[in-house]
Amino acid sequence: MSDTKERVIKVTAELLKLDESSIKDESRFVEDLGAESIQSIELVAAFEEEFDIEMDEDEALAVKTVGDAVKFIDKNLS
């Protein structure tokens, strides 16, 4: 598992109060993990803080799954 993926799962689990083992690449933040609108915004902020990046709000809101988030963050880090 990549470092980015581990950190995305850790942040997601903490914010949504879930077990890390229940979070998969294909897990959708809203439909599968139960994130509400405000939590989606909090997730973006948490990812920005964790990875020290600035995420474009529209692009960030287009991220629907854990795997999408990992790809998006990797792209922003490179």
PDB file of N, CA and C in Angstrom:
ATOM      1  N   MET A   1       0.846  -1.189   0.000  1.00  0.00           N
ATOM      2  CA  MET A   1       0.000   0.000   0.000  1.00  0.00           C
ATOM      3  C   MET A   1       0.886   1.245   0.000  1.00  0.00           C
ATOM      4  N   SER A   2       0.527   2.214  -0.819  1.00  0.00           N
ATOM      5  CA  SER A   2       1.334   3.435  -0.897  1.00  0.00           C
ATOM      6  C   SER A   2       1.167   4.267   0.369  1.00  0.00           C
ATOM      7  N   ASP A   3       2.165   5.093   0.627  1.00  0.00           N
ATOM      8  CA  ASP A   3       2.128   5.993   1.778  1.00  0.00           C
ATOM      9  C   ASP A   3       0.920   6.925   1.669  1.00  0.00           C
ATOM     10  N   THR A   4       0.665   7.425   0.474  1.00  0.00           N
ATOM     11  CA  THR A   4      -0.473   8.328   0.269  1.00  0.00           C
ATOM     12  C   THR A   4      -1.774   7.625   0.625  1.00  0.00           C
ATOM     13  N   LYS A   5      -1.935   6.396   0.137  1.00  0.00           N
ATOM     14  CA  LYS A   5      -3.169   5.650   0.400  1.00  0.00           C
ATOM     15  C   LYS A   5      -3.342   5.401   1.904  1.00  0.00           C
ATOM     16  N   GLU A   6      -2.278   5.007   2.575  1.00  0.00           N
ATOM     17  CA  GLU A   6      -2.346   4.772   4.028  1.00  0.00           C
ATOM     18  C   GLU A   6      -2.808   6.024   4.755  1.00  0.00           C
ATOM     19  N   ARG A   7      -2.249   7.162   4.374  1.00  0.00           N
ATOM     20  CA  ARG A   7      -2.575   8.424   5.036  1.00  0.00           C
ATOM     21  C   ARG A   7      -4.002   8.872   4.713  1.00  0.00           C
ATOM     22  N   VAL A   8      -4.449   8.657   3.470  1.00  0.00           N
ATOM     23  CA  VAL A   8      -5.832   8.998   3.089  1.00  0.00           C
ATOM     24  C   VAL A   8      -6.804   8.161   3.917  1.00  0.00           C
ATOM     25  N   ILE A   9      -6.530   6.881   4.041  1.00  0.00           N
ATOM     26  CA  ILE A   9      -7.401   5.988   4.816  1.00  0.00           C
ATOM     27  C   ILE A   9      -7.406   6.405   6.289  1.00  0.00           C
ATOM     28  N   LYS A  10      -6.236   6.726   6.835  1.00  0.00           N
ATOM     29  CA  LYS A  10      -6.136   7.131   8.241  1.00  0.00           C
ATOM     30  C   LYS A  10      -6.960   8.391   8.505  1.00  0.00           C
ATOM     31  N   VAL A  11      -6.791   9.407   7.663  1.00  0.00           N
ATOM     32  CA  VAL A  11      -7.526  10.672   7.816  1.00  0.00           C
ATOM     33  C   VAL A  11      -9.033  10.437   7.680  1.00  0.00           C
ATOM     34  N   THR A  12      -9.417   9.647   6.683  1.00  0.00           N
ATOM     35  CA  THR A  12     -10.834   9.350   6.451  1.00  0.00           C
ATOM     36  C   THR A  12     -11.442   8.620   7.645  1.00  0.00           C
ATOM     37  N   ALA A  13     -10.731   7.617   8.149  1.00  0.00           N
ATOM     38  CA  ALA A  13     -11.219   6.837   9.292  1.00  0.00           C
ATOM     39  C   ALA A  13     -11.405   7.721  10.523  1.00  0.00           C
ATOM     40  N   GLU A  14     -10.431   8.592  10.771  1.00  0.00           N
ATOM     41  CA  GLU A  14     -10.519   9.479  11.937  1.00  0.00           C
ATOM     42  C   GLU A  14     -11.700  10.434  11.815  1.00  0.00           C
ATOM     43  N   LEU A  15     -11.837  11.066  10.650  1.00  0.00           N
ATOM     44  CA  LEU A  15     -12.872  12.075  10.468  1.00  0.00           C
ATOM     45  C   LEU A  15     -14.279  11.466  10.477  1.00  0.00           C
ATOM     46  N   LEU A  16     -14.428  10.310   9.844  1.00  0.00           N
ATOM     47  CA  LEU A  16     -15.761   9.696   9.738  1.00  0.00           C
ATOM     48  C   LEU A  16     -16.015   8.665  10.842  1.00  0.00           C
ATOM     49  N   LYS A  17     -15.039   8.525  11.738  1.00  0.00           N
ATOM     50  CA  LYS A  17     -15.151   7.579  12.865  1.00  0.00           C
ATOM     51  C   LYS A  17     -15.468   6.157  12.384  1.00  0.00           C
ATOM     52  N   LEU A  18     -14.621   5.687  11.477  1.00  0.00           N
ATOM     53  CA  LEU A  18     -14.760   4.349  10.899  1.00  0.00           C
ATOM     54  C   LEU A  18     -13.511   3.525  11.195  1.00  0.00           C
ATOM     55  N   ASP A  19     -13.634   2.215  11.060  1.00  0.00           N
ATOM     56  CA  ASP A  19     -12.493   1.319  11.178  1.00  0.00           C
ATOM     57  C   ASP A  19     -11.712   1.388   9.865  1.00  0.00           C
ATOM     58  N   GLU A  20     -10.392   1.541   9.955  1.00  0.00           N
ATOM     59  CA  GLU A  20      -9.575   1.657   8.741  1.00  0.00           C
ATOM     60  C   GLU A  20      -9.754   0.463   7.809  1.00  0.00           C
ATOM     61  N   SER A  21      -9.964  -0.718   8.366  1.00  0.00           N
ATOM     62  CA  SER A  21     -10.083  -1.924   7.541  1.00  0.00           C
ATOM     63  C   SER A  21     -11.362  -1.936   6.699  1.00  0.00           C
ATOM     64  N   SER A  22     -12.323  -1.084   7.039  1.00  0.00           N
ATOM     65  CA  SER A  22     -13.572  -1.034   6.265  1.00  0.00           C
ATOM     66  C   SER A  22     -13.471  -0.087   5.071  1.00  0.00           C
ATOM     67  N   ILE A  23     -12.334   0.596   4.928  1.00  0.00           N
ATOM     68  CA  ILE A  23     -12.160   1.588   3.863  1.00  0.00           C
ATOM     69  C   ILE A  23     -11.315   0.990   2.743  1.00  0.00           C
ATOM     70  N   LYS A  24     -11.888   0.918   1.561  1.00  0.00           N
ATOM     71  CA  LYS A  24     -11.219   0.335   0.384  1.00  0.00           C
ATOM     72  C   LYS A  24     -11.024   1.402  -0.694  1.00  0.00           C
ATOM     73  N   ASP A  25     -10.197   1.073  -1.713  1.00  0.00           N
ATOM     74  CA  ASP A  25      -9.981   1.985  -2.847  1.00  0.00           C
ATOM     75  C   ASP A  25     -11.289   2.434  -3.473  1.00  0.00           C
ATOM     76  N   GLU A  26     -12.204   1.469  -3.633  1.00  0.00           N
ATOM     77  CA  GLU A  26     -13.443   1.763  -4.351  1.00  0.00           C
ATOM     78  C   GLU A  26     -14.531   2.356  -3.456  1.00  0.00           C
ATOM     79  N   SER A  27     -14.235   2.508  -2.159  1.00  0.00           N
ATOM     80  CA  SER A  27     -15.216   3.083  -1.230  1.00  0.00           C
ATOM     81  C   SER A  27     -15.543   4.519  -1.630  1.00  0.00           C
ATOM     82  N   ARG A  28     -16.846   4.780  -1.793  1.00  0.00           N
ATOM     83  CA  ARG A  28     -17.287   6.138  -2.114  1.00  0.00           C
ATOM     84  C   ARG A  28     -17.525   6.869  -0.793  1.00  0.00           C
ATOM     85  N   PHE A  29     -17.022   8.099  -0.707  1.00  0.00           N
ATOM     86  CA  PHE A  29     -17.092   8.855   0.539  1.00  0.00           C
ATOM     87  C   PHE A  29     -18.529   9.029   1.024  1.00  0.00           C
ATOM     88  N   VAL A  30     -19.442   9.387   0.126  1.00  0.00           N
ATOM     89  CA  VAL A  30     -20.819   9.657   0.530  1.00  0.00           C
ATOM     90  C   VAL A  30     -21.637   8.374   0.615  1.00  0.00           C
ATOM     91  N   GLU A  31     -21.717   7.634  -0.490  1.00  0.00           N
ATOM     92  CA  GLU A  31     -22.600   6.466  -0.566  1.00  0.00           C
ATOM     93  C   GLU A  31     -22.156   5.316   0.335  1.00  0.00           C
ATOM     94  N   ASP A  32     -20.844   5.027   0.372  1.00  0.00           N
ATOM     95  CA  ASP A  32     -20.365   3.855   1.109  1.00  0.00           C
ATOM     96  C   ASP A  32     -19.900   4.181   2.533  1.00  0.00           C
ATOM     97  N   LEU A  33     -19.301   5.350   2.709  1.00  0.00           N
ATOM     98  CA  LEU A  33     -18.708   5.679   4.006  1.00  0.00           C
ATOM     99  C   LEU A  33     -19.581   6.631   4.821  1.00  0.00           C
ATOM    100  N   GLY A  34     -20.663   7.119   4.216  1.00  0.00           N
ATOM    101  CA  GLY A  34     -21.631   7.924   4.952  1.00  0.00           C
ATOM    102  C   GLY A  34     -21.245   9.362   5.214  1.00  0.00           C
ATOM    103  N   ALA A  35     -20.310   9.902   4.437  1.00  0.00           N
ATOM    104  CA  ALA A  35     -19.915  11.305   4.623  1.00  0.00           C
ATOM    105  C   ALA A  35     -21.075  12.215   4.229  1.00  0.00           C
ATOM    106  N   GLU A  36     -21.345  13.199   5.069  1.00  0.00           N
ATOM    107  CA  GLU A  36     -22.357  14.201   4.749  1.00  0.00           C
ATOM    108  C   GLU A  36     -21.650  15.374   4.075  1.00  0.00           C
ATOM    109  N   SER A  37     -22.425  16.304   3.529  1.00  0.00           N
ATOM    110  CA  SER A  37     -21.854  17.437   2.778  1.00  0.00           C
ATOM    111  C   SER A  37     -20.755  18.151   3.556  1.00  0.00           C
ATOM    112  N   ILE A  38     -21.027  18.476   4.800  1.00  0.00           N
ATOM    113  CA  ILE A  38     -20.038  19.205   5.597  1.00  0.00           C
ATOM    114  C   ILE A  38     -18.793  18.345   5.820  1.00  0.00           C
ATOM    115  N   GLN A  39     -18.976  17.044   5.961  1.00  0.00           N
ATOM    116  CA  GLN A  39     -17.824  16.164   6.166  1.00  0.00           C
ATOM    117  C   GLN A  39     -16.971  16.071   4.904  1.00  0.00           C
ATOM    118  N   SER A  40     -17.597  16.187   3.732  1.00  0.00           N
ATOM    119  CA  SER A  40     -16.825  16.187   2.493  1.00  0.00           C
ATOM    120  C   SER A  40     -15.881  17.382   2.469  1.00  0.00           C
ATOM    121  N   ILE A  41     -16.372  18.519   2.909  1.00  0.00           N
ATOM    122  CA  ILE A  41     -15.538  19.727   2.965  1.00  0.00           C
ATOM    123  C   ILE A  41     -14.457  19.559   4.026  1.00  0.00           C
ATOM    124  N   GLU A  42     -14.822  18.966   5.164  1.00  0.00           N
ATOM    125  CA  GLU A  42     -13.835  18.715   6.221  1.00  0.00           C
ATOM    126  C   GLU A  42     -12.758  17.746   5.755  1.00  0.00           C
ATOM    127  N   LEU A  43     -13.148  16.755   4.943  1.00  0.00           N
ATOM    128  CA  LEU A  43     -12.161  15.806   4.396  1.00  0.00           C
ATOM    129  C   LEU A  43     -11.154  16.532   3.511  1.00  0.00           C
ATOM    130  N   VAL A  44     -11.644  17.417   2.645  1.00  0.00           N
ATOM    131  CA  VAL A  44     -10.743  18.186   1.771  1.00  0.00           C
ATOM    132  C   VAL A  44      -9.755  18.968   2.630  1.00  0.00           C
ATOM    133  N   ALA A  45     -10.258  19.641   3.652  1.00  0.00           N
ATOM    134  CA  ALA A  45      -9.389  20.431   4.539  1.00  0.00           C
ATOM    135  C   ALA A  45      -8.377  19.526   5.251  1.00  0.00           C
ATOM    136  N   ALA A  46      -8.836  18.351   5.698  1.00  0.00           N
ATOM    137  CA  ALA A  46      -7.942  17.418   6.391  1.00  0.00           C
ATOM    138  C   ALA A  46      -6.856  16.887   5.455  1.00  0.00           C
ATOM    139  N   PHE A  47      -7.213  16.600   4.197  1.00  0.00           N
ATOM    140  CA  PHE A  47      -6.218  16.140   3.225  1.00  0.00           C
ATOM    141  C   PHE A  47      -5.214  17.252   2.924  1.00  0.00           C
ATOM    142  N   GLU A  48      -5.704  18.488   2.807  1.00  0.00           N
ATOM    143  CA  GLU A  48      -4.792  19.617   2.562  1.00  0.00           C
ATOM    144  C   GLU A  48      -3.778  19.740   3.699  1.00  0.00           C
ATOM    145  N   GLU A  49      -4.266  19.601   4.922  1.00  0.00           N
ATOM    146  CA  GLU A  49      -3.382  19.721   6.081  1.00  0.00           C
ATOM    147  C   GLU A  49      -2.404  18.543   6.155  1.00  0.00           C
ATOM    148  N   GLU A  50      -2.918  17.326   5.971  1.00  0.00           N
ATOM    149  CA  GLU A  50      -2.092  16.117   6.066  1.00  0.00           C
ATOM    150  C   GLU A  50      -0.958  16.121   5.036  1.00  0.00           C
ATOM    151  N   PHE A  51      -1.268  16.579   3.818  1.00  0.00           N
ATOM    152  CA  PHE A  51      -0.289  16.504   2.725  1.00  0.00           C
ATOM    153  C   PHE A  51       0.356  17.852   2.401  1.00  0.00           C
ATOM    154  N   ASP A  52      -0.041  18.903   3.117  1.00  0.00           N
ATOM    155  CA  ASP A  52       0.494  20.243   2.887  1.00  0.00           C
ATOM    156  C   ASP A  52       0.344  20.652   1.421  1.00  0.00           C
ATOM    157  N   ILE A  53      -0.884  20.526   0.926  1.00  0.00           N
ATOM    158  CA  ILE A  53      -1.185  20.908  -0.456  1.00  0.00           C
ATOM    159  C   ILE A  53      -2.406  21.815  -0.459  1.00  0.00           C
ATOM    160  N   GLU A  54      -2.629  22.464  -1.590  1.00  0.00           N
ATOM    161  CA  GLU A  54      -3.809  23.284  -1.805  1.00  0.00           C
ATOM    162  C   GLU A  54      -4.644  22.583  -2.869  1.00  0.00           C
ATOM    163  N   MET A  55      -5.881  22.227  -2.519  1.00  0.00           N
ATOM    164  CA  MET A  55      -6.744  21.518  -3.472  1.00  0.00           C
ATOM    165  C   MET A  55      -7.765  22.489  -4.046  1.00  0.00           C
ATOM    166  N   ASP A  56      -7.886  22.525  -5.370  1.00  0.00           N
ATOM    167  CA  ASP A  56      -8.924  23.323  -6.021  1.00  0.00           C
ATOM    168  C   ASP A  56     -10.282  22.771  -5.584  1.00  0.00           C
ATOM    169  N   GLU A  57     -11.146  23.643  -5.091  1.00  0.00           N
ATOM    170  CA  GLU A  57     -12.413  23.201  -4.497  1.00  0.00           C
ATOM    171  C   GLU A  57     -13.279  22.403  -5.472  1.00  0.00           C
ATOM    172  N   ASP A  58     -13.425  22.896  -6.706  1.00  0.00           N
ATOM    173  CA  ASP A  58     -14.262  22.186  -7.681  1.00  0.00           C
ATOM    174  C   ASP A  58     -13.684  20.818  -8.024  1.00  0.00           C
ATOM    175  N   GLU A  59     -12.366  20.770  -8.236  1.00  0.00           N
ATOM    176  CA  GLU A  59     -11.707  19.494  -8.535  1.00  0.00           C
ATOM    177  C   GLU A  59     -11.835  18.546  -7.351  1.00  0.00           C
ATOM    178  N   ALA A  60     -11.623  19.071  -6.153  1.00  0.00           N
ATOM    179  CA  ALA A  60     -11.673  18.246  -4.949  1.00  0.00           C
ATOM    180  C   ALA A  60     -13.057  17.649  -4.742  1.00  0.00           C
ATOM    181  N   LEU A  61     -14.103  18.414  -5.025  1.00  0.00           N
ATOM    182  CA  LEU A  61     -15.465  17.919  -4.845  1.00  0.00           C
ATOM    183  C   LEU A  61     -15.838  16.882  -5.902  1.00  0.00           C
ATOM    184  N   ALA A  62     -15.060  16.808  -6.981  1.00  0.00           N
ATOM    185  CA  ALA A  62     -15.289  15.795  -8.015  1.00  0.00           C
ATOM    186  C   ALA A  62     -14.710  14.440  -7.591  1.00  0.00           C
ATOM    187  N   VAL A  63     -13.873  14.439  -6.563  1.00  0.00           N
ATOM    188  CA  VAL A  63     -13.291  13.203  -6.041  1.00  0.00           C
ATOM    189  C   VAL A  63     -14.365  12.451  -5.260  1.00  0.00           C
ATOM    190  N   LYS A  64     -14.714  11.251  -5.742  1.00  0.00           N
ATOM    191  CA  LYS A  64     -15.834  10.511  -5.146  1.00  0.00           C
ATOM    192  C   LYS A  64     -15.403   9.297  -4.338  1.00  0.00           C
ATOM    193  N   THR A  65     -14.237   8.711  -4.662  1.00  0.00           N
ATOM    194  CA  THR A  65     -13.806   7.489  -3.976  1.00  0.00           C
ATOM    195  C   THR A  65     -12.442   7.692  -3.306  1.00  0.00           C
ATOM    196  N   VAL A  66     -12.100   6.760  -2.440  1.00  0.00           N
ATOM    197  CA  VAL A  66     -10.797   6.793  -1.774  1.00  0.00           C
ATOM    198  C   VAL A  66      -9.681   6.720  -2.823  1.00  0.00           C
ATOM    199  N   GLY A  67      -9.848   5.832  -3.809  1.00  0.00           N
ATOM    200  CA  GLY A  67      -8.849   5.707  -4.874  1.00  0.00           C
ATOM    201  C   GLY A  67      -8.676   6.998  -5.655  1.00  0.00           C
ATOM    202  N   ASP A  68      -9.807   7.682  -5.934  1.00  0.00           N
ATOM    203  CA  ASP A  68      -9.748   8.983  -6.624  1.00  0.00           C
ATOM    204  C   ASP A  68      -8.943   9.984  -5.801  1.00  0.00           C
ATOM    205  N   ALA A  69      -9.165   9.977  -4.493  1.00  0.00           N
ATOM    206  CA  ALA A  69      -8.459  10.915  -3.611  1.00  0.00           C
ATOM    207  C   ALA A  69      -6.955  10.656  -3.644  1.00  0.00           C
ATOM    208  N   VAL A  70      -6.575   9.377  -3.605  1.00  0.00           N
ATOM    209  CA  VAL A  70      -5.154   9.021  -3.640  1.00  0.00           C
ATOM    210  C   VAL A  70      -4.520   9.520  -4.942  1.00  0.00           C
ATOM    211  N   LYS A  71      -5.185   9.264  -6.086  1.00  0.00           N
ATOM    212  CA  LYS A  71      -4.661   9.720  -7.386  1.00  0.00           C
ATOM    213  C   LYS A  71      -4.566  11.247  -7.427  1.00  0.00           C
ATOM    214  N   PHE A  72      -5.622  11.916  -6.963  1.00  0.00           N
ATOM    215  CA  PHE A  72      -5.672  13.371  -6.967  1.00  0.00           C
ATOM    216  C   PHE A  72      -4.530  13.961  -6.137  1.00  0.00           C
ATOM    217  N   ILE A  73      -4.314  13.401  -4.951  1.00  0.00           N
ATOM    218  CA  ILE A  73      -3.269  13.905  -4.060  1.00  0.00           C
ATOM    219  C   ILE A  73      -1.877  13.609  -4.639  1.00  0.00           C
ATOM    220  N   ASP A  74      -1.680  12.399  -5.168  1.00  0.00           N
ATOM    221  CA  ASP A  74      -0.391  12.066  -5.795  1.00  0.00           C
ATOM    222  C   ASP A  74      -0.078  13.044  -6.922  1.00  0.00           C
ATOM    223  N   LYS A  75      -1.102  13.380  -7.725  1.00  0.00           N
ATOM    224  CA  LYS A  75      -0.920  14.326  -8.837  1.00  0.00           C
ATOM    225  C   LYS A  75      -0.501  15.693  -8.300  1.00  0.00           C
ATOM    226  N   ASN A  76      -1.095  16.111  -7.194  1.00  0.00           N
ATOM    227  CA  ASN A  76      -0.776  17.420  -6.603  1.00  0.00           C
ATOM    228  C   ASN A  76       0.589  17.428  -5.928  1.00  0.00           C
ATOM    229  N   LEU A  77       1.067  16.270  -5.500  1.00  0.00           N
ATOM    230  CA  LEU A  77       2.365  16.209  -4.833  1.00  0.00           C
ATOM    231  C   LEU A  77       3.527  16.179  -5.820  1.00  0.00           C
ATOM    232  N   SER A  78       3.252  15.726  -7.045  1.00  0.00           N
ATOM    233  CA  SER A  78       4.361  15.572  -8.012  1.00  0.00           C
ATOM    234  C   SER A  78       4.735  16.881  -8.684  1.00  0.00           C
TER     235      SER A  78
END
